Amino acid sequence: MKYNVEVMISLKKGMLNPEASTIQRALALLGYEVHKTETLDIVKFSMDKDNEELVKSEVEDMCEKLLCNPVIQDYQISINPQQD
């Protein structure tokens, strides 16, 4: 069965986010009032596996080894069966 996978990666709470700070300052210079800015990376892909638990296990392994830095980043995984 095919599964659509989405991994959302963000900095852990309390980590400095210079990219978000720069965006917030630039928006303020353009006259927009923004109270909180975050950056988020989203990685989407599909996998062909026998069941959702196998997909989840492999995606967690991908996150820990390659997709994010678990020391400073959090991730959320969304898995949905692909509709034919």
N, C-alpha and C. Protein backbone atom coordinates (compact mmCIF):
# COMPACT_ATOMS: atom_id res chain seq x y z
N MET A 1 0.85 -1.18 0.00
CA MET A 1 0.00 0.00 0.00
C MET A 1 0.89 1.24 0.00
N LYS A 2 0.44 2.28 -0.69
CA LYS A 2 1.19 3.54 -0.72
C LYS A 2 0.67 4.49 0.34
N TYR A 3 1.61 5.21 0.95
CA TYR A 3 1.29 6.20 1.98
C TYR A 3 1.91 7.53 1.62
N ASN A 4 1.16 8.61 1.82
CA ASN A 4 1.69 9.96 1.71
C ASN A 4 2.21 10.36 3.07
N VAL A 5 3.43 10.88 3.09
CA VAL A 5 4.07 11.25 4.34
C VAL A 5 4.42 12.74 4.31
N GLU A 6 4.18 13.41 5.41
CA GLU A 6 4.56 14.81 5.57
C GLU A 6 5.29 14.95 6.89
N VAL A 7 6.50 15.51 6.85
CA VAL A 7 7.29 15.74 8.05
C VAL A 7 7.46 17.25 8.21
N MET A 8 7.00 17.77 9.34
CA MET A 8 7.14 19.20 9.65
C MET A 8 8.26 19.35 10.67
N ILE A 9 9.27 20.14 10.33
CA ILE A 9 10.45 20.30 11.17
C ILE A 9 10.54 21.74 11.63
N SER A 10 10.68 21.94 12.95
CA SER A 10 10.80 23.29 13.51
C SER A 10 11.86 23.28 14.61
N LEU A 11 12.32 24.46 14.95
CA LEU A 11 13.27 24.56 16.06
C LEU A 11 12.56 24.30 17.38
N LYS A 12 13.28 23.69 18.31
CA LYS A 12 12.71 23.46 19.64
C LYS A 12 12.48 24.79 20.34
N LYS A 13 11.53 24.80 21.24
CA LYS A 13 11.22 26.01 22.00
C LYS A 13 12.47 26.49 22.73
N GLY A 14 12.71 27.79 22.64
CA GLY A 14 13.86 28.39 23.31
C GLY A 14 15.10 28.50 22.43
N MET A 15 15.08 27.86 21.27
CA MET A 15 16.23 27.95 20.37
C MET A 15 16.14 29.27 19.59
N LEU A 16 17.27 29.90 19.36
CA LEU A 16 17.30 31.13 18.59
C LEU A 16 16.98 30.83 17.13
N ASN A 17 16.19 31.71 16.52
CA ASN A 17 15.79 31.51 15.14
C ASN A 17 16.09 32.80 14.36
N PRO A 18 17.33 32.96 13.89
CA PRO A 18 17.70 34.19 13.21
C PRO A 18 16.90 34.44 11.93
N GLU A 19 16.52 33.39 11.23
CA GLU A 19 15.73 33.55 10.00
C GLU A 19 14.37 34.18 10.32
N ALA A 20 13.70 33.66 11.35
CA ALA A 20 12.40 34.20 11.73
C ALA A 20 12.53 35.64 12.23
N SER A 21 13.59 35.93 12.97
CA SER A 21 13.81 37.30 13.46
C SER A 21 14.01 38.28 12.31
N THR A 22 14.75 37.86 11.30
CA THR A 22 14.98 38.70 10.13
C THR A 22 13.67 38.96 9.39
N ILE A 23 12.87 37.93 9.23
CA ILE A 23 11.57 38.09 8.57
C ILE A 23 10.69 39.05 9.35
N GLN A 24 10.66 38.90 10.66
CA GLN A 24 9.83 39.77 11.50
C GLN A 24 10.27 41.23 11.39
N ARG A 25 11.59 41.48 11.41
CA ARG A 25 12.09 42.85 11.28
C ARG A 25 11.77 43.42 9.91
N ALA A 26 11.91 42.61 8.86
CA ALA A 26 11.62 43.09 7.50
C ALA A 26 10.15 43.42 7.35
N LEU A 27 9.28 42.61 7.91
CA LEU A 27 7.85 42.90 7.85
C LEU A 27 7.53 44.19 8.59
N ALA A 28 8.18 44.41 9.74
CA ALA A 28 7.96 45.64 10.50
C ALA A 28 8.39 46.86 9.67
N LEU A 29 9.51 46.74 8.95
CA LEU A 29 9.97 47.84 8.11
C LEU A 29 9.00 48.13 6.97
N LEU A 30 8.26 47.12 6.55
CA LEU A 30 7.26 47.31 5.50
C LEU A 30 5.92 47.78 6.05
N GLY A 31 5.85 47.96 7.38
CA GLY A 31 4.64 48.47 7.99
C GLY A 31 3.67 47.42 8.50
N TYR A 32 4.09 46.16 8.49
CA TYR A 32 3.23 45.09 8.99
C TYR A 32 3.57 44.78 10.44
N GLU A 33 2.55 44.61 11.26
CA GLU A 33 2.77 44.28 12.66
C GLU A 33 2.63 42.77 12.85
N VAL A 34 3.71 42.15 13.23
CA VAL A 34 3.74 40.70 13.44
C VAL A 34 4.24 40.44 14.85
N HIS A 35 3.50 39.67 15.61
CA HIS A 35 3.87 39.42 17.00
C HIS A 35 4.78 38.21 17.19
N LYS A 36 4.63 37.22 16.34
CA LYS A 36 5.43 36.01 16.48
C LYS A 36 5.71 35.45 15.10
N THR A 37 6.96 35.10 14.85
CA THR A 37 7.34 34.55 13.56
C THR A 37 8.10 33.25 13.80
N GLU A 38 7.76 32.23 13.04
CA GLU A 38 8.46 30.96 13.09
C GLU A 38 8.77 30.52 11.67
N THR A 39 9.80 29.73 11.53
CA THR A 39 10.06 29.10 10.25
C THR A 39 9.82 27.60 10.43
N LEU A 40 9.37 26.99 9.36
CA LEU A 40 9.01 25.58 9.40
C LEU A 40 9.42 24.94 8.08
N ASP A 41 10.13 23.83 8.16
CA ASP A 41 10.46 23.08 6.96
C ASP A 41 9.47 21.94 6.84
N ILE A 42 8.96 21.74 5.64
CA ILE A 42 8.01 20.65 5.39
C ILE A 42 8.59 19.77 4.29
N VAL A 43 8.71 18.48 4.59
CA VAL A 43 9.21 17.51 3.64
C VAL A 43 8.07 16.55 3.34
N LYS A 44 7.73 16.39 2.04
CA LYS A 44 6.64 15.51 1.64
C LYS A 44 7.18 14.44 0.71
N PHE A 45 6.71 13.21 0.89
CA PHE A 45 7.09 12.11 0.01
C PHE A 45 6.09 10.98 0.18
N SER A 46 6.21 9.96 -0.65
CA SER A 46 5.33 8.80 -0.52
C SER A 46 6.19 7.55 -0.32
N MET A 47 5.60 6.56 0.33
CA MET A 47 6.29 5.30 0.59
C MET A 47 5.35 4.15 0.29
N ASP A 48 5.91 3.06 -0.18
CA ASP A 48 5.14 1.86 -0.47
C ASP A 48 5.55 0.80 0.56
N LYS A 49 4.69 0.57 1.54
CA LYS A 49 4.97 -0.40 2.61
C LYS A 49 3.72 -1.21 2.91
N ASP A 50 3.92 -2.29 3.68
CA ASP A 50 2.80 -3.18 4.01
C ASP A 50 1.80 -2.56 4.98
N ASN A 51 2.31 -1.71 5.92
CA ASN A 51 1.39 -1.11 6.89
C ASN A 51 1.94 0.21 7.41
N GLU A 52 1.07 0.95 8.06
CA GLU A 52 1.40 2.29 8.55
C GLU A 52 2.48 2.28 9.62
N GLU A 53 2.51 1.25 10.44
CA GLU A 53 3.53 1.17 11.50
C GLU A 53 4.94 1.07 10.91
N LEU A 54 5.08 0.32 9.83
CA LEU A 54 6.39 0.23 9.15
C LEU A 54 6.79 1.59 8.60
N VAL A 55 5.85 2.30 8.01
CA VAL A 55 6.12 3.63 7.48
C VAL A 55 6.56 4.54 8.61
N LYS A 56 5.81 4.56 9.70
CA LYS A 56 6.14 5.42 10.84
C LYS A 56 7.53 5.13 11.38
N SER A 57 7.85 3.85 11.53
CA SER A 57 9.16 3.47 12.05
C SER A 57 10.29 3.95 11.14
N GLU A 58 10.12 3.76 9.84
CA GLU A 58 11.16 4.20 8.91
C GLU A 58 11.28 5.71 8.83
N VAL A 59 10.16 6.41 8.88
CA VAL A 59 10.20 7.88 8.81
C VAL A 59 10.85 8.44 10.08
N GLU A 60 10.55 7.87 11.23
CA GLU A 60 11.21 8.32 12.47
C GLU A 60 12.72 8.11 12.36
N ASP A 61 13.14 6.99 11.79
CA ASP A 61 14.56 6.73 11.59
C ASP A 61 15.18 7.77 10.65
N MET A 62 14.46 8.11 9.57
CA MET A 62 14.92 9.14 8.63
C MET A 62 15.11 10.47 9.34
N CYS A 63 14.14 10.82 10.20
CA CYS A 63 14.20 12.09 10.91
C CYS A 63 15.41 12.15 11.84
N GLU A 64 15.63 11.08 12.57
CA GLU A 64 16.73 11.04 13.54
C GLU A 64 18.10 11.04 12.86
N LYS A 65 18.19 10.45 11.67
CA LYS A 65 19.49 10.29 11.00
C LYS A 65 19.79 11.35 9.95
N LEU A 66 18.74 11.92 9.32
CA LEU A 66 19.02 12.78 8.18
C LEU A 66 18.18 14.05 8.11
N LEU A 67 16.88 13.94 8.28
CA LEU A 67 15.99 15.07 7.99
C LEU A 67 16.09 16.21 9.00
N CYS A 68 16.43 15.92 10.24
CA CYS A 68 16.52 17.01 11.21
C CYS A 68 17.64 16.74 12.22
N ASN A 69 17.93 17.77 12.99
CA ASN A 69 18.90 17.65 14.07
C ASN A 69 18.10 17.55 15.37
N PRO A 70 17.93 16.35 15.92
CA PRO A 70 17.06 16.18 17.08
C PRO A 70 17.53 16.92 18.34
N VAL A 71 18.75 17.43 18.33
CA VAL A 71 19.24 18.20 19.47
C VAL A 71 18.56 19.56 19.52
N ILE A 72 18.33 20.17 18.35
CA ILE A 72 17.77 21.53 18.32
C ILE A 72 16.43 21.62 17.60
N GLN A 73 15.98 20.51 16.99
CA GLN A 73 14.74 20.56 16.22
C GLN A 73 13.74 19.51 16.69
N ASP A 74 12.47 19.86 16.54
CA ASP A 74 11.37 18.92 16.75
C ASP A 74 10.79 18.57 15.40
N TYR A 75 10.11 17.45 15.33
CA TYR A 75 9.43 17.09 14.09
C TYR A 75 8.10 16.44 14.39
N GLN A 76 7.18 16.62 13.46
CA GLN A 76 5.86 15.98 13.52
C GLN A 76 5.66 15.23 12.22
N ILE A 77 5.16 14.02 12.33
CA ILE A 77 4.96 13.16 11.17
C ILE A 77 3.46 12.97 10.94
N SER A 78 3.06 13.14 9.68
CA SER A 78 1.69 12.88 9.28
C SER A 78 1.72 11.81 8.19
N ILE A 79 0.97 10.73 8.38
CA ILE A 79 0.95 9.62 7.44
C ILE A 79 -0.51 9.37 7.03
N ASN A 80 -0.75 9.34 5.71
CA ASN A 80 -2.09 9.09 5.19
C ASN A 80 -2.02 8.10 4.05
N PRO A 81 -2.93 7.11 4.04
CA PRO A 81 -2.99 6.19 2.91
C PRO A 81 -3.29 6.96 1.63
N GLN A 82 -2.60 6.60 0.56
CA GLN A 82 -2.81 7.26 -0.71
C GLN A 82 -4.09 6.76 -1.34
N GLN A 83 -4.92 7.69 -1.79
CA GLN A 83 -6.17 7.34 -2.45
C GLN A 83 -5.92 7.14 -3.93
N ASP A 84 -6.38 6.02 -4.46
CA ASP A 84 -6.19 5.74 -5.90
C ASP A 84 -7.34 6.26 -6.71
